[in-house]
Amino acid sequence: MEQSAQESNTWSSMDEAIQFYESVYQNPSNEIGKGFIWANYDRKCWEIVEHNGNRIVLHWSNIGGAGGSYDEFIKNGDTTDLIFYDGNISYPRDPSMKYTIQNSNHKVIKTEELWKK
């Protein structure tokens, strides 16, 4: 049974977005994941901020609870835009990076620097 275009273009849950994030960062073809320290990562540190159809925003806190960052996921058919906000004070006005990712293989196909400190 095929999913409708509407269903496949929406986020069903925070877990789906987290799995997408992890798949992107674990894809050896992507520069985005090089240098990521998985020993400092805990899936339990995510929380949902906003969720509206094809857009979901998650906050990731550092394991110690201080600091963190925001990630915005926007599904666009065959691709997803992952917008990274570096630090708690940058959201929602100052996104740092935007990655366009193929949904089928989690490969970053475009990287844009949006804001530089």
C-alpha atoms as a PDB file:
ATOM      1  CA  MET A   1       0.000   0.000   0.000  1.00  0.00           C
ATOM      2  CA  GLU A   2       1.494   3.347  -1.058  1.00  0.00           C
ATOM      3  CA  GLN A   3       1.496   6.376   1.164  1.00  0.00           C
ATOM      4  CA  SER A   4      -0.258   9.389  -0.261  1.00  0.00           C
ATOM      5  CA  ALA A   5       1.928  12.365  -1.155  1.00  0.00           C
ATOM      6  CA  GLN A   6       0.388  14.247   1.780  1.00  0.00           C
ATOM      7  CA  GLU A   7       1.281  11.523   4.303  1.00  0.00           C
ATOM      8  CA  SER A   8       4.837  11.066   3.037  1.00  0.00           C
ATOM      9  CA  ASN A   9       5.395  14.831   3.171  1.00  0.00           C
ATOM     10  CA  THR A  10       4.491  15.156   6.871  1.00  0.00           C
ATOM     11  CA  TRP A  11       6.329  14.216  10.048  1.00  0.00           C
ATOM     12  CA  SER A  12       4.489  11.497  11.931  1.00  0.00           C
ATOM     13  CA  SER A  13       6.435  11.994  15.164  1.00  0.00           C
ATOM     14  CA  MET A  14       9.463  13.423  16.882  1.00  0.00           C
ATOM     15  CA  ASP A  15      11.030   9.937  16.683  1.00  0.00           C
ATOM     16  CA  GLU A  16      10.765   9.983  12.883  1.00  0.00           C
ATOM     17  CA  ALA A  17      12.638  13.314  12.762  1.00  0.00           C
ATOM     18  CA  ILE A  18      15.291  12.075  15.213  1.00  0.00           C
ATOM     19  CA  GLN A  19      15.810   8.923  13.129  1.00  0.00           C
ATOM     20  CA  PHE A  20      16.177  11.091  10.012  1.00  0.00           C
ATOM     21  CA  TYR A  21      18.765  13.277  11.796  1.00  0.00           C
ATOM     22  CA  GLU A  22      20.753  10.249  12.964  1.00  0.00           C
ATOM     23  CA  SER A  23      20.671   8.691   9.475  1.00  0.00           C
ATOM     24  CA  VAL A  24      21.992  11.905   7.927  1.00  0.00           C
ATOM     25  CA  TYR A  25      24.814  12.254  10.441  1.00  0.00           C
ATOM     26  CA  GLN A  26      25.742   8.552  10.177  1.00  0.00           C
ATOM     27  CA  ASN A  27      25.843   8.571   6.360  1.00  0.00           C
ATOM     28  CA  PRO A  28      29.569   8.328   5.507  1.00  0.00           C
ATOM     29  CA  SER A  29      28.958  10.297   2.273  1.00  0.00           C
ATOM     30  CA  ASN A  30      28.079  13.429   4.257  1.00  0.00           C
ATOM     31  CA  GLU A  31      30.600  15.951   5.550  1.00  0.00           C
ATOM     32  CA  ILE A  32      28.027  16.977   8.165  1.00  0.00           C
ATOM     33  CA  GLY A  33      28.671  13.832  10.202  1.00  0.00           C
ATOM     34  CA  LYS A  34      32.448  13.823  10.121  1.00  0.00           C
ATOM     35  CA  GLY A  35      33.753  14.667  13.554  1.00  0.00           C
ATOM     36  CA  PHE A  36      30.400  14.059  15.262  1.00  0.00           C
ATOM     37  CA  ILE A  37      31.140  12.581  18.694  1.00  0.00           C
ATOM     38  CA  TRP A  38      28.545   9.882  19.237  1.00  0.00           C
ATOM     39  CA  ALA A  39      29.798   9.258  22.786  1.00  0.00           C
ATOM     40  CA  ASN A  40      28.422  12.712  23.671  1.00  0.00           C
ATOM     41  CA  TYR A  41      25.061  12.039  22.026  1.00  0.00           C
ATOM     42  CA  ASP A  42      21.965  10.837  23.846  1.00  0.00           C
ATOM     43  CA  ARG A  43      18.670  10.486  22.008  1.00  0.00           C
ATOM     44  CA  LYS A  44      16.855  11.383  25.240  1.00  0.00           C
ATOM     45  CA  CYS A  45      18.186  14.960  25.022  1.00  0.00           C
ATOM     46  CA  TRP A  46      15.734  15.913  22.239  1.00  0.00           C
ATOM     47  CA  GLU A  47      12.457  17.725  22.821  1.00  0.00           C
ATOM     48  CA  ILE A  48       9.827  18.910  20.395  1.00  0.00           C
ATOM     49  CA  VAL A  49       9.327  22.663  20.006  1.00  0.00           C
ATOM     50  CA  GLU A  50       6.922  22.927  17.054  1.00  0.00           C
ATOM     51  CA  HIS A  51       5.182  20.448  14.764  1.00  0.00           C
ATOM     52  CA  ASN A  52       2.994  21.419  11.857  1.00  0.00           C
ATOM     53  CA  GLY A  53       2.616  18.949   8.987  1.00  0.00           C
ATOM     54  CA  ASN A  54       5.771  19.011   6.884  1.00  0.00           C
ATOM     55  CA  ARG A  55       7.675  21.122   9.448  1.00  0.00           C
ATOM     56  CA  ILE A  56       9.020  20.035  12.825  1.00  0.00           C
ATOM     57  CA  VAL A  57      11.431  21.882  15.126  1.00  0.00           C
ATOM     58  CA  LEU A  58      13.412  20.027  17.759  1.00  0.00           C
ATOM     59  CA  HIS A  59      15.706  21.270  20.516  1.00  0.00           C
ATOM     60  CA  TRP A  60      18.711  19.251  21.528  1.00  0.00           C
ATOM     61  CA  SER A  61      20.216  19.916  24.966  1.00  0.00           C
ATOM     62  CA  ASN A  62      23.749  19.002  25.870  1.00  0.00           C
ATOM     63  CA  ILE A  63      23.985  15.887  28.022  1.00  0.00           C
ATOM     64  CA  GLY A  64      24.737  18.047  31.075  1.00  0.00           C
ATOM     65  CA  GLY A  65      21.551  20.036  30.414  1.00  0.00           C
ATOM     66  CA  ALA A  66      23.203  23.385  29.665  1.00  0.00           C
ATOM     67  CA  GLY A  67      23.256  24.819  26.180  1.00  0.00           C
ATOM     68  CA  GLY A  68      22.100  23.080  23.064  1.00  0.00           C
ATOM     69  CA  SER A  69      20.815  23.880  19.615  1.00  0.00           C
ATOM     70  CA  TYR A  70      17.705  23.822  17.460  1.00  0.00           C
ATOM     71  CA  ASP A  71      17.097  21.852  14.289  1.00  0.00           C
ATOM     72  CA  GLU A  72      14.221  22.569  11.909  1.00  0.00           C
ATOM     73  CA  PHE A  73      13.148  19.841   9.471  1.00  0.00           C
ATOM     74  CA  ILE A  74      11.006  20.737   6.444  1.00  0.00           C
ATOM     75  CA  LYS A  75       9.903  17.947   4.096  1.00  0.00           C
ATOM     76  CA  ASN A  76       9.645  18.946   0.435  1.00  0.00           C
ATOM     77  CA  GLY A  77       8.655  15.811  -1.451  1.00  0.00           C
ATOM     78  CA  ASP A  78      11.861  13.949  -2.328  1.00  0.00           C
ATOM     79  CA  THR A  79      14.061  16.163  -0.130  1.00  0.00           C
ATOM     80  CA  THR A  80      14.117  17.595   3.365  1.00  0.00           C
ATOM     81  CA  ASP A  81      15.630  20.905   4.421  1.00  0.00           C
ATOM     82  CA  LEU A  82      17.488  20.629   7.716  1.00  0.00           C
ATOM     83  CA  ILE A  83      18.054  24.081   9.167  1.00  0.00           C
ATOM     84  CA  PHE A  84      20.529  24.240  12.035  1.00  0.00           C
ATOM     85  CA  TYR A  85      20.465  26.992  14.663  1.00  0.00           C
ATOM     86  CA  ASP A  86      23.756  27.095  16.549  1.00  0.00           C
ATOM     87  CA  GLY A  87      23.007  27.753  20.207  1.00  0.00           C
ATOM     88  CA  ASN A  88      19.894  28.487  22.187  1.00  0.00           C
ATOM     89  CA  ILE A  89      19.768  32.215  21.447  1.00  0.00           C
ATOM     90  CA  SER A  90      19.912  31.885  17.650  1.00  0.00           C
ATOM     91  CA  TYR A  91      16.419  30.376  17.261  1.00  0.00           C
ATOM     92  CA  PRO A  92      14.300  31.477  15.431  1.00  0.00           C
ATOM     93  CA  ARG A  93      16.001  34.541  13.930  1.00  0.00           C
ATOM     94  CA  ASP A  94      19.547  33.476  13.153  1.00  0.00           C
ATOM     95  CA  PRO A  95      19.833  30.093  11.453  1.00  0.00           C
ATOM     96  CA  SER A  96      23.419  29.015  10.861  1.00  0.00           C
ATOM     97  CA  MET A  97      23.240  26.373   8.140  1.00  0.00           C
ATOM     98  CA  LYS A  98      20.742  24.834   5.752  1.00  0.00           C
ATOM     99  CA  TYR A  99      21.220  21.351   4.355  1.00  0.00           C
ATOM    100  CA  THR A 100      19.095  19.916   1.555  1.00  0.00           C
ATOM    101  CA  ILE A 101      18.928  16.156   1.967  1.00  0.00           C
ATOM    102  CA  GLN A 102      17.613  13.393  -0.293  1.00  0.00           C
ATOM    103  CA  ASN A 103      15.025  11.450   1.674  1.00  0.00           C
ATOM    104  CA  SER A 104      15.745   8.159  -0.085  1.00  0.00           C
ATOM    105  CA  ASN A 105      19.381   7.825   1.036  1.00  0.00           C
ATOM    106  CA  HIS A 106      19.917  10.638   3.593  1.00  0.00           C
ATOM    107  CA  LYS A 107      22.589  12.226   1.408  1.00  0.00           C
ATOM    108  CA  VAL A 108      23.246  15.963   1.721  1.00  0.00           C
ATOM    109  CA  ILE A 109      22.983  17.397  -1.800  1.00  0.00           C
ATOM    110  CA  LYS A 110      23.287  21.105  -0.957  1.00  0.00           C
ATOM    111  CA  THR A 111      24.827  23.079   1.908  1.00  0.00           C
ATOM    112  CA  GLU A 112      24.162  26.768   2.493  1.00  0.00           C
ATOM    113  CA  GLU A 113      25.731  28.971   5.126  1.00  0.00           C
ATOM    114  CA  LEU A 114      22.926  31.252   6.325  1.00  0.00           C
ATOM    115  CA  TRP A 115      24.549  33.230   9.083  1.00  0.00           C
ATOM    116  CA  LYS A 116      28.096  33.630  10.262  1.00  0.00           C
ATOM    117  CA  LYS A 117      29.188  34.799  13.705  1.00  0.00           C
END
